[in-house]
Amino acid sequence: MSQHRRLTRSSNKIISGVLGGIAEYFGFSATILRVVFVILTIYPGHILFGLLVYLLLMTVIPRDTSHHDSNQPHNPFSGFGGFGGGSGKQPRKTLHDVSEDDSDER
C-alpha cells in the first residue's frame, strides 16, 4: 500500500515549522530551504512580501499532530532556540535529600 503524505508544519522548527514541513513533504533539507527563503526575503523590496507569505502559510498549513504529546501544554516559544523553557530536549532535574544549614558565624 502507498502511504499518503500530508503537508503539515513540522516539529523540526525554528519559528513555527512551516519551512521544515515543506522540506519534509518534498524530501529535502530544511536548512537549505530556510537559507533560500531568507535570501529571497531580504532581497530589496521583498521583505514585506516574504513575511506575508510566511504568515499566510503559517495559518493555512495545519500543525503536525502525530508527534504532539497531548499531556504537554502547547508552548508557543518552544521553537525559538529554547526560550520559554520546556524545549523538550532534556527532562527537568529534581533534587533529592537537600538540607540547608544556617550558620551565624560573624
PDB file of N, CA and C in Angstrom:
ATOM      1  N   MET A   1       0.831  -1.187   0.000  1.00  0.00           N
ATOM      2  CA  MET A   1       0.000   0.000   0.000  1.00  0.00           C
ATOM      3  C   MET A   1       0.872   1.246   0.000  1.00  0.00           C
ATOM      4  N   SER A   2       0.400   2.259  -0.635  1.00  0.00           N
ATOM      5  CA  SER A   2       1.142   3.509  -0.654  1.00  0.00           C
ATOM      6  C   SER A   2       0.729   4.368   0.535  1.00  0.00           C
ATOM      7  N   GLN A   3       1.724   5.016   1.113  1.00  0.00           N
ATOM      8  CA  GLN A   3       1.458   5.873   2.264  1.00  0.00           C
ATOM      9  C   GLN A   3       1.098   7.267   1.769  1.00  0.00           C
ATOM     10  N   HIS A   4      -0.007   7.795   2.264  1.00  0.00           N
ATOM     11  CA  HIS A   4      -0.491   9.111   1.860  1.00  0.00           C
ATOM     12  C   HIS A   4       0.276  10.183   2.610  1.00  0.00           C
ATOM     13  N   ARG A   5       0.965  11.063   1.872  1.00  0.00           N
ATOM     14  CA  ARG A   5       1.704  12.156   2.500  1.00  0.00           C
ATOM     15  C   ARG A   5       0.772  13.335   2.706  1.00  0.00           C
ATOM     16  N   ARG A   6       1.018  14.055   3.788  1.00  0.00           N
ATOM     17  CA  ARG A   6       0.208  15.225   4.104  1.00  0.00           C
ATOM     18  C   ARG A   6       1.133  16.373   4.474  1.00  0.00           C
ATOM     19  N   LEU A   7       0.872  17.538   3.907  1.00  0.00           N
ATOM     20  CA  LEU A   7       1.680  18.711   4.210  1.00  0.00           C
ATOM     21  C   LEU A   7       1.229  19.290   5.540  1.00  0.00           C
ATOM     22  N   THR A   8       2.121  19.246   6.525  1.00  0.00           N
ATOM     23  CA  THR A   8       1.849  19.798   7.850  1.00  0.00           C
ATOM     24  C   THR A   8       3.070  20.572   8.315  1.00  0.00           C
ATOM     25  N   ARG A   9       2.865  21.436   9.306  1.00  0.00           N
ATOM     26  CA  ARG A   9       4.004  22.110   9.919  1.00  0.00           C
ATOM     27  C   ARG A   9       4.799  21.082  10.702  1.00  0.00           C
ATOM     28  N   SER A  10       6.096  21.202  10.650  1.00  0.00           N
ATOM     29  CA  SER A  10       6.981  20.193  11.213  1.00  0.00           C
ATOM     30  C   SER A  10       7.304  20.437  12.681  1.00  0.00           C
ATOM     31  N   SER A  11       7.734  19.369  13.349  1.00  0.00           N
ATOM     32  CA  SER A  11       8.271  19.531  14.700  1.00  0.00           C
ATOM     33  C   SER A  11       9.726  19.996  14.618  1.00  0.00           C
ATOM     34  N   ASN A  12      10.331  19.894  13.423  1.00  0.00           N
ATOM     35  CA  ASN A  12      11.666  20.441  13.152  1.00  0.00           C
ATOM     36  C   ASN A  12      11.472  21.909  12.814  1.00  0.00           C
ATOM     37  N   LYS A  13      11.394  22.743  13.854  1.00  0.00           N
ATOM     38  CA  LYS A  13      11.010  24.123  13.609  1.00  0.00           C
ATOM     39  C   LYS A  13      11.955  25.104  14.256  1.00  0.00           C
ATOM     40  N   ILE A  14      11.959  26.294  13.674  1.00  0.00           N
ATOM     41  CA  ILE A  14      12.664  27.418  14.273  1.00  0.00           C
ATOM     42  C   ILE A  14      11.637  28.434  14.748  1.00  0.00           C
ATOM     43  N   ILE A  15      10.686  28.780  13.896  1.00  0.00           N
ATOM     44  CA  ILE A  15       9.633  29.703  14.318  1.00  0.00           C
ATOM     45  C   ILE A  15       8.322  28.950  14.475  1.00  0.00           C
ATOM     46  N   SER A  16       7.784  28.422  13.390  1.00  0.00           N
ATOM     47  CA  SER A  16       6.514  27.717  13.527  1.00  0.00           C
ATOM     48  C   SER A  16       6.495  26.378  12.792  1.00  0.00           C
ATOM     49  N   GLY A  17       7.552  26.017  12.108  1.00  0.00           N
ATOM     50  CA  GLY A  17       7.628  24.724  11.441  1.00  0.00           C
ATOM     51  C   GLY A  17       7.148  24.722  10.009  1.00  0.00           C
ATOM     52  N   VAL A  18       6.862  25.878   9.430  1.00  0.00           N
ATOM     53  CA  VAL A  18       6.346  25.946   8.064  1.00  0.00           C
ATOM     54  C   VAL A  18       7.392  25.435   7.071  1.00  0.00           C
ATOM     55  N   LEU A  19       8.577  26.005   7.105  1.00  0.00           N
ATOM     56  CA  LEU A  19       9.609  25.618   6.141  1.00  0.00           C
ATOM     57  C   LEU A  19      10.102  24.194   6.392  1.00  0.00           C
ATOM     58  N   GLY A  20      10.154  23.781   7.653  1.00  0.00           N
ATOM     59  CA  GLY A  20      10.522  22.397   7.962  1.00  0.00           C
ATOM     60  C   GLY A  20       9.503  21.416   7.417  1.00  0.00           C
ATOM     61  N   GLY A  21       8.219  21.758   7.513  1.00  0.00           N
ATOM     62  CA  GLY A  21       7.168  20.892   6.981  1.00  0.00           C
ATOM     63  C   GLY A  21       7.206  20.803   5.470  1.00  0.00           C
ATOM     64  N   ILE A  22       7.460  21.918   4.803  1.00  0.00           N
ATOM     65  CA  ILE A  22       7.559  21.904   3.339  1.00  0.00           C
ATOM     66  C   ILE A  22       8.764  21.071   2.908  1.00  0.00           C
ATOM     67  N   ALA A  23       9.884  21.221   3.610  1.00  0.00           N
ATOM     68  CA  ALA A  23      11.078  20.444   3.283  1.00  0.00           C
ATOM     69  C   ALA A  23      10.837  18.947   3.494  1.00  0.00           C
ATOM     70  N   GLU A  24      10.166  18.569   4.574  1.00  0.00           N
ATOM     71  CA  GLU A  24       9.859  17.152   4.808  1.00  0.00           C
ATOM     72  C   GLU A  24       8.922  16.608   3.741  1.00  0.00           C
ATOM     73  N   TYR A  25       7.959  17.395   3.331  1.00  0.00           N
ATOM     74  CA  TYR A  25       6.984  16.962   2.333  1.00  0.00           C
ATOM     75  C   TYR A  25       7.660  16.673   0.990  1.00  0.00           C
ATOM     76  N   PHE A  26       8.582  17.544   0.572  1.00  0.00           N
ATOM     77  CA  PHE A  26       9.245  17.360  -0.713  1.00  0.00           C
ATOM     78  C   PHE A  26      10.551  16.583  -0.606  1.00  0.00           C
ATOM     79  N   GLY A  27      11.003  16.278   0.618  1.00  0.00           N
ATOM     80  CA  GLY A  27      12.152  15.407   0.824  1.00  0.00           C
ATOM     81  C   GLY A  27      13.504  16.059   0.645  1.00  0.00           C
ATOM     82  N   PHE A  28      13.660  17.290   1.061  1.00  0.00           N
ATOM     83  CA  PHE A  28      14.981  17.904   1.023  1.00  0.00           C
ATOM     84  C   PHE A  28      15.279  18.603   2.338  1.00  0.00           C
ATOM     85  N   SER A  29      16.464  19.164   2.446  1.00  0.00           N
ATOM     86  CA  SER A  29      16.958  19.722   3.704  1.00  0.00           C
ATOM     87  C   SER A  29      16.200  20.988   4.101  1.00  0.00           C
ATOM     88  N   ALA A  30      15.763  21.025   5.349  1.00  0.00           N
ATOM     89  CA  ALA A  30      15.066  22.208   5.863  1.00  0.00           C
ATOM     90  C   ALA A  30      16.013  23.394   5.979  1.00  0.00           C
ATOM     91  N   THR A  31      17.272  23.127   6.280  1.00  0.00           N
ATOM     92  CA  THR A  31      18.249  24.207   6.411  1.00  0.00           C
ATOM     93  C   THR A  31      18.459  24.927   5.085  1.00  0.00           C
ATOM     94  N   ILE A  32      18.577  24.167   4.006  1.00  0.00           N
ATOM     95  CA  ILE A  32      18.755  24.775   2.684  1.00  0.00           C
ATOM     96  C   ILE A  32      17.526  25.601   2.318  1.00  0.00           C
ATOM     97  N   LEU A  33      16.331  25.078   2.572  1.00  0.00           N
ATOM     98  CA  LEU A  33      15.112  25.823   2.268  1.00  0.00           C
ATOM     99  C   LEU A  33      15.048  27.109   3.091  1.00  0.00           C
ATOM    100  N   ARG A  34      15.437  27.047   4.351  1.00  0.00           N
ATOM    101  CA  ARG A  34      15.424  28.251   5.205  1.00  0.00           C
ATOM    102  C   ARG A  34      16.398  29.306   4.691  1.00  0.00           C
ATOM    103  N   VAL A  35      17.587  28.875   4.279  1.00  0.00           N
ATOM    104  CA  VAL A  35      18.577  29.822   3.760  1.00  0.00           C
ATOM    105  C   VAL A  35      18.070  30.469   2.472  1.00  0.00           C
ATOM    106  N   VAL A  36      17.513  29.675   1.570  1.00  0.00           N
ATOM    107  CA  VAL A  36      16.969  30.214   0.311  1.00  0.00           C
ATOM    108  C   VAL A  36      15.831  31.182   0.602  1.00  0.00           C
ATOM    109  N   PHE A  37      14.948  30.827   1.544  1.00  0.00           N
ATOM    110  CA  PHE A  37      13.824  31.707   1.873  1.00  0.00           C
ATOM    111  C   PHE A  37      14.310  33.039   2.441  1.00  0.00           C
ATOM    112  N   VAL A  38      15.311  32.996   3.319  1.00  0.00           N
ATOM    113  CA  VAL A  38      15.836  34.230   3.901  1.00  0.00           C
ATOM    114  C   VAL A  38      16.494  35.089   2.827  1.00  0.00           C
ATOM    115  N   ILE A  39      17.269  34.471   1.938  1.00  0.00           N
ATOM    116  CA  ILE A  39      17.921  35.231   0.873  1.00  0.00           C
ATOM    117  C   ILE A  39      16.886  35.884  -0.028  1.00  0.00           C
ATOM    118  N   LEU A  40      15.844  35.138  -0.403  1.00  0.00           N
ATOM    119  CA  LEU A  40      14.803  35.714  -1.258  1.00  0.00           C
ATOM    120  C   LEU A  40      13.983  36.775  -0.529  1.00  0.00           C
ATOM    121  N   THR A  41      13.832  36.627   0.782  1.00  0.00           N
ATOM    122  CA  THR A  41      13.039  37.584   1.548  1.00  0.00           C
ATOM    123  C   THR A  41      13.793  38.892   1.770  1.00  0.00           C
ATOM    124  N   ILE A  42      15.095  38.826   2.005  1.00  0.00           N
ATOM    125  CA  ILE A  42      15.833  40.065   2.259  1.00  0.00           C
ATOM    126  C   ILE A  42      16.260  40.763   0.980  1.00  0.00           C
ATOM    127  N   TYR A  43      15.972  40.168  -0.162  1.00  0.00           N
ATOM    128  CA  TYR A  43      16.248  40.830  -1.431  1.00  0.00           C
ATOM    129  C   TYR A  43      15.492  42.159  -1.424  1.00  0.00           C
ATOM    130  N   PRO A  44      16.119  43.237  -1.846  1.00  0.00           N
ATOM    131  CA  PRO A  44      15.488  44.568  -1.743  1.00  0.00           C
ATOM    132  C   PRO A  44      14.066  44.615  -2.306  1.00  0.00           C
ATOM    133  N   GLY A  45      13.172  45.079  -1.459  1.00  0.00           N
ATOM    134  CA  GLY A  45      11.778  45.235  -1.867  1.00  0.00           C
ATOM    135  C   GLY A  45      10.897  44.030  -1.632  1.00  0.00           C
ATOM    136  N   HIS A  46      11.448  42.944  -1.079  1.00  0.00           N
ATOM    137  CA  HIS A  46      10.657  41.726  -0.908  1.00  0.00           C
ATOM    138  C   HIS A  46      10.450  41.317   0.540  1.00  0.00           C
ATOM    139  N   ILE A  47      10.900  42.131   1.485  1.00  0.00           N
ATOM    140  CA  ILE A  47      10.801  41.747   2.899  1.00  0.00           C
ATOM    141  C   ILE A  47       9.343  41.620   3.325  1.00  0.00           C
ATOM    142  N   LEU A  48       8.541  42.603   3.017  1.00  0.00           N
ATOM    143  CA  LEU A  48       7.131  42.561   3.405  1.00  0.00           C
ATOM    144  C   LEU A  48       6.410  41.408   2.716  1.00  0.00           C
ATOM    145  N   PHE A  49       6.702  41.187   1.443  1.00  0.00           N
ATOM    146  CA  PHE A  49       6.074  40.087   0.710  1.00  0.00           C
ATOM    147  C   PHE A  49       6.455  38.740   1.333  1.00  0.00           C
ATOM    148  N   GLY A  50       7.741  38.563   1.674  1.00  0.00           N
ATOM    149  CA  GLY A  50       8.193  37.313   2.281  1.00  0.00           C
ATOM    150  C   GLY A  50       7.529  37.056   3.628  1.00  0.00           C
ATOM    151  N   LEU A  51       7.394  38.109   4.432  1.00  0.00           N
ATOM    152  CA  LEU A  51       6.734  37.957   5.734  1.00  0.00           C
ATOM    153  C   LEU A  51       5.254  37.631   5.579  1.00  0.00           C
ATOM    154  N   LEU A  52       4.609  38.266   4.616  1.00  0.00           N
ATOM    155  CA  LEU A  52       3.185  37.983   4.380  1.00  0.00           C
ATOM    156  C   LEU A  52       2.976  36.554   3.887  1.00  0.00           C
ATOM    157  N   VAL A  53       3.850  36.093   3.003  1.00  0.00           N
ATOM    158  CA  VAL A  53       3.756  34.712   2.515  1.00  0.00           C
ATOM    159  C   VAL A  53       3.946  33.741   3.668  1.00  0.00           C
ATOM    160  N   TYR A  54       4.938  33.997   4.535  1.00  0.00           N
ATOM    161  CA  TYR A  54       5.190  33.107   5.669  1.00  0.00           C
ATOM    162  C   TYR A  54       3.988  33.079   6.618  1.00  0.00           C
ATOM    163  N   LEU A  55       3.428  34.253   6.923  1.00  0.00           N
ATOM    164  CA  LEU A  55       2.250  34.303   7.803  1.00  0.00           C
ATOM    165  C   LEU A  55       1.057  33.582   7.179  1.00  0.00           C
ATOM    166  N   LEU A  56       0.887  33.722   5.879  1.00  0.00           N
ATOM    167  CA  LEU A  56      -0.203  33.024   5.192  1.00  0.00           C
ATOM    168  C   LEU A  56      -0.003  31.517   5.282  1.00  0.00           C
ATOM    169  N   LEU A  57       1.215  31.056   5.009  1.00  0.00           N
ATOM    170  CA  LEU A  57       1.493  29.619   5.102  1.00  0.00           C
ATOM    171  C   LEU A  57       1.326  29.107   6.530  1.00  0.00           C
ATOM    172  N   MET A  58       1.683  29.930   7.508  1.00  0.00           N
ATOM    173  CA  MET A  58       1.554  29.538   8.908  1.00  0.00           C
ATOM    174  C   MET A  58       0.091  29.341   9.298  1.00  0.00           C
ATOM    175  N   THR A  59      -0.811  30.112   8.691  1.00  0.00           N
ATOM    176  CA  THR A  59      -2.227  29.957   9.021  1.00  0.00           C
ATOM    177  C   THR A  59      -2.895  28.869   8.187  1.00  0.00           C
ATOM    178  N   VAL A  60      -2.387  28.602   6.995  1.00  0.00           N
ATOM    179  CA  VAL A  60      -3.026  27.628   6.100  1.00  0.00           C
ATOM    180  C   VAL A  60      -2.562  26.202   6.384  1.00  0.00           C
ATOM    181  N   ILE A  61      -1.266  26.017   6.624  1.00  0.00           N
ATOM    182  CA  ILE A  61      -0.725  24.670   6.836  1.00  0.00           C
ATOM    183  C   ILE A  61      -1.018  24.231   8.272  1.00  0.00           C
ATOM    184  N   PRO A  62      -1.684  23.086   8.439  1.00  0.00           N
ATOM    185  CA  PRO A  62      -2.018  22.642   9.805  1.00  0.00           C
ATOM    186  C   PRO A  62      -0.791  22.142  10.559  1.00  0.00           C
ATOM    187  N   ARG A  63      -0.886  22.169  11.883  1.00  0.00           N
ATOM    188  CA  ARG A  63       0.182  21.690  12.753  1.00  0.00           C
ATOM    189  C   ARG A  63       0.231  20.174  12.697  1.00  0.00           C
ATOM    190  N   ASP A  64       1.427  19.596  12.787  1.00  0.00           N
ATOM    191  CA  ASP A  64       1.609  18.145  12.798  1.00  0.00           C
ATOM    192  C   ASP A  64       1.205  17.618  14.166  1.00  0.00           C
ATOM    193  N   THR A  65       0.134  16.855  14.205  1.00  0.00           N
ATOM    194  CA  THR A  65      -0.364  16.338  15.486  1.00  0.00           C
ATOM    195  C   THR A  65       0.109  14.922  15.765  1.00  0.00           C
ATOM    196  N   SER A  66       0.803  14.281  14.817  1.00  0.00           N
ATOM    197  CA  SER A  66       1.228  12.902  15.035  1.00  0.00           C
ATOM    198  C   SER A  66       2.361  12.812  16.059  1.00  0.00           C
ATOM    199  N   HIS A  67       3.199  13.842  16.193  1.00  0.00           N
ATOM    200  CA  HIS A  67       4.294  13.823  17.156  1.00  0.00           C
ATOM    201  C   HIS A  67       3.976  14.628  18.394  1.00  0.00           C
ATOM    202  N   HIS A  68       2.801  15.189  18.489  1.00  0.00           N
ATOM    203  CA  HIS A  68       2.444  16.072  19.604  1.00  0.00           C
ATOM    204  C   HIS A  68       1.981  15.254  20.790  1.00  0.00           C
ATOM    205  N   ASP A  69       2.548  15.513  21.956  1.00  0.00           N
ATOM    206  CA  ASP A  69       2.154  14.853  23.195  1.00  0.00           C
ATOM    207  C   ASP A  69       0.962  15.590  23.778  1.00  0.00           C
ATOM    208  N   SER A  70      -0.167  14.924  23.871  1.00  0.00           N
ATOM    209  CA  SER A  70      -1.379  15.597  24.330  1.00  0.00           C
ATOM    210  C   SER A  70      -1.329  15.951  25.812  1.00  0.00           C
ATOM    211  N   ASN A  71      -0.414  15.328  26.581  1.00  0.00           N
ATOM    212  CA  ASN A  71      -0.311  15.651  28.001  1.00  0.00           C
ATOM    213  C   ASN A  71       0.454  16.945  28.244  1.00  0.00           C
ATOM    214  N   GLN A  72       1.254  17.374  27.270  1.00  0.00           N
ATOM    215  CA  GLN A  72       2.043  18.585  27.416  1.00  0.00           C
ATOM    216  C   GLN A  72       1.269  19.770  26.859  1.00  0.00           C
ATOM    217  N   PRO A  73       1.211  20.878  27.592  1.00  0.00           N
ATOM    218  CA  PRO A  73       0.566  22.068  27.041  1.00  0.00           C
ATOM    219  C   PRO A  73       1.411  22.651  25.917  1.00  0.00           C
ATOM    220  N   HIS A  74       0.742  23.293  24.964  1.00  0.00           N
ATOM    221  CA  HIS A  74       1.454  23.886  23.828  1.00  0.00           C
ATOM    222  C   HIS A  74       2.242  25.101  24.298  1.00  0.00           C
ATOM    223  N   ASN A  75       3.537  25.126  23.976  1.00  0.00           N
ATOM    224  CA  ASN A  75       4.389  26.254  24.313  1.00  0.00           C
ATOM    225  C   ASN A  75       4.720  26.996  23.028  1.00  0.00           C
ATOM    226  N   PRO A  76       4.161  28.184  22.799  1.00  0.00           N
ATOM    227  CA  PRO A  76       4.404  28.871  21.535  1.00  0.00           C
ATOM    228  C   PRO A  76       5.838  29.331  21.358  1.00  0.00           C
ATOM    229  N   PHE A  77       6.649  29.333  22.416  1.00  0.00           N
ATOM    230  CA  PHE A  77       8.033  29.768  22.321  1.00  0.00           C
ATOM    231  C   PHE A  77       9.011  28.603  22.261  1.00  0.00           C
ATOM    232  N   SER A  78       8.542  27.381  22.112  1.00  0.00           N
ATOM    233  CA  SER A  78       9.442  26.240  22.134  1.00  0.00           C
ATOM    234  C   SER A  78      10.335  26.168  20.917  1.00  0.00           C
ATOM    235  N   GLY A  79      10.003  26.822  19.823  1.00  0.00           N
ATOM    236  CA  GLY A  79      10.835  26.784  18.637  1.00  0.00           C
ATOM    237  C   GLY A  79      11.845  27.895  18.543  1.00  0.00           C
ATOM    238  N   PHE A  80      11.921  28.767  19.518  1.00  0.00           N
ATOM    239  CA  PHE A  80      12.812  29.912  19.459  1.00  0.00           C
ATOM    240  C   PHE A  80      14.122  29.641  20.186  1.00  0.00           C
ATOM    241  N   GLY A  81      14.757  28.522  19.892  1.00  0.00           N
ATOM    242  CA  GLY A  81      16.068  28.253  20.468  1.00  0.00           C
ATOM    243  C   GLY A  81      16.061  28.051  21.969  1.00  0.00           C
ATOM    244  N   GLY A  82      14.983  27.553  22.535  1.00  0.00           N
ATOM    245  CA  GLY A  82      14.929  27.259  23.952  1.00  0.00           C
ATOM    246  C   GLY A  82      14.321  28.338  24.802  1.00  0.00           C
ATOM    247  N   PHE A  83      13.896  29.462  24.220  1.00  0.00           N
ATOM    248  CA  PHE A  83      13.222  30.478  25.021  1.00  0.00           C
ATOM    249  C   PHE A  83      11.938  29.886  25.577  1.00  0.00           C
ATOM    250  N   GLY A  84      11.564  30.301  26.738  1.00  0.00           N
ATOM    251  CA  GLY A  84      10.321  29.824  27.322  1.00  0.00           C
ATOM    252  C   GLY A  84      10.460  28.500  28.021  1.00  0.00           C
ATOM    253  N   GLY A  85      11.683  27.980  28.125  1.00  0.00           N
ATOM    254  CA  GLY A  85      11.882  26.709  28.801  1.00  0.00           C
ATOM    255  C   GLY A  85      11.134  25.602  28.093  1.00  0.00           C
ATOM    256  N   GLY A  86      11.184  24.418  28.598  1.00  0.00           N
ATOM    257  CA  GLY A  86      10.397  23.318  28.071  1.00  0.00           C
ATOM    258  C   GLY A  86      10.609  23.048  26.600  1.00  0.00           C
ATOM    259  N   SER A  87      11.848  23.109  26.120  1.00  0.00           N
ATOM    260  CA  SER A  87      12.087  22.843  24.712  1.00  0.00           C
ATOM    261  C   SER A  87      12.000  21.357  24.410  1.00  0.00           C
ATOM    262  N   GLY A  88      11.884  20.521  25.446  1.00  0.00           N
ATOM    263  CA  GLY A  88      11.696  19.099  25.246  1.00  0.00           C
ATOM    264  C   GLY A  88      12.986  18.329  25.034  1.00  0.00           C
ATOM    265  N   LYS A  89      14.129  18.956  25.102  1.00  0.00           N
ATOM    266  CA  LYS A  89      15.380  18.275  24.816  1.00  0.00           C
ATOM    267  C   LYS A  89      15.903  17.514  26.026  1.00  0.00           C
ATOM    268  N   GLN A  90      15.796  18.082  27.222  1.00  0.00           N
ATOM    269  CA  GLN A  90      16.255  17.414  28.424  1.00  0.00           C
ATOM    270  C   GLN A  90      15.169  17.502  29.484  1.00  0.00           C
ATOM    271  N   PRO A  91      14.972  16.405  30.216  1.00  0.00           N
ATOM    272  CA  PRO A  91      13.973  16.473  31.280  1.00  0.00           C
ATOM    273  C   PRO A  91      14.460  17.365  32.415  1.00  0.00           C
ATOM    274  N   ARG A  92      13.545  17.915  33.129  1.00  0.00           N
ATOM    275  CA  ARG A  92      13.881  18.778  34.255  1.00  0.00           C
ATOM    276  C   ARG A  92      14.477  17.945  35.378  1.00  0.00           C
ATOM    277  N   LYS A  93      15.546  18.437  35.974  1.00  0.00           N
ATOM    278  CA  LYS A  93      16.218  17.702  37.040  1.00  0.00           C
ATOM    279  C   LYS A  93      15.551  18.003  38.375  1.00  0.00           C
ATOM    280  N   THR A  94      15.498  16.982  39.241  1.00  0.00           N
ATOM    281  CA  THR A  94      14.894  17.108  40.550  1.00  0.00           C
ATOM    282  C   THR A  94      15.952  16.839  41.610  1.00  0.00           C
ATOM    283  N   LEU A  95      15.991  17.682  42.620  1.00  0.00           N
ATOM    284  CA  LEU A  95      16.920  17.495  43.721  1.00  0.00           C
ATOM    285  C   LEU A  95      16.263  16.670  44.820  1.00  0.00           C
ATOM    286  N   HIS A  96      17.035  15.754  45.395  1.00  0.00           N
ATOM    287  CA  HIS A  96      16.537  14.908  46.478  1.00  0.00           C
ATOM    288  C   HIS A  96      17.453  15.059  47.685  1.00  0.00           C
ATOM    289  N   ASP A  97      16.904  14.903  48.864  1.00  0.00           N
ATOM    290  CA  ASP A  97      17.646  14.934  50.127  1.00  0.00           C
ATOM    291  C   ASP A  97      18.509  16.190  50.241  1.00  0.00           C
ATOM    292  N   VAL A  98      17.907  17.321  50.123  1.00  0.00           N
ATOM    293  CA  VAL A  98      18.613  18.590  50.218  1.00  0.00           C
ATOM    294  C   VAL A  98      18.402  19.145  51.618  1.00  0.00           C
ATOM    295  N   SER A  99      19.495  19.545  52.237  1.00  0.00           N
ATOM    296  CA  SER A  99      19.379  20.155  53.556  1.00  0.00           C
ATOM    297  C   SER A  99      20.103  21.493  53.537  1.00  0.00           C
ATOM    298  N   GLU A 100      19.646  22.381  54.408  1.00  0.00           N
ATOM    299  CA  GLU A 100      20.242  23.707  54.477  1.00  0.00           C
ATOM    300  C   GLU A 100      20.701  23.940  55.902  1.00  0.00           C
ATOM    301  N   ASP A 101      21.946  24.365  56.033  1.00  0.00           N
ATOM    302  CA  ASP A 101      22.497  24.671  57.347  1.00  0.00           C
ATOM    303  C   ASP A 101      22.553  26.184  57.489  1.00  0.00           C
ATOM    304  N   ASP A 102      22.010  26.657  58.608  1.00  0.00           N
ATOM    305  CA  ASP A 102      22.011  28.091  58.886  1.00  0.00           C
ATOM    306  C   ASP A 102      23.091  28.365  59.924  1.00  0.00           C
ATOM    307  N   SER A 103      24.216  28.864  59.442  1.00  0.00           N
ATOM    308  CA  SER A 103      25.311  29.151  60.379  1.00  0.00           C
ATOM    309  C   SER A 103      25.423  30.670  60.542  1.00  0.00           C
ATOM    310  N   ASP A 104      25.587  31.082  61.784  1.00  0.00           N
ATOM    311  CA  ASP A 104      25.645  32.509  62.103  1.00  0.00           C
ATOM    312  C   ASP A 104      27.045  32.838  62.624  1.00  0.00           C
ATOM    313  N   GLU A 105      28.027  32.615  61.788  1.00  0.00           N
ATOM    314  CA  GLU A 105      29.417  32.864  62.205  1.00  0.00           C
ATOM    315  C   GLU A 105      29.862  34.194  61.632  1.00  0.00           C
ATOM    316  N   ARG A 106      29.808  35.241  62.457  1.00  0.00           N
ATOM    317  CA  ARG A 106      30.219  36.585  62.008  1.00  0.00           C
ATOM    318  C   ARG A 106      31.386  37.053  62.757  1.00  0.00           C
TER     319      ARG A 106
END
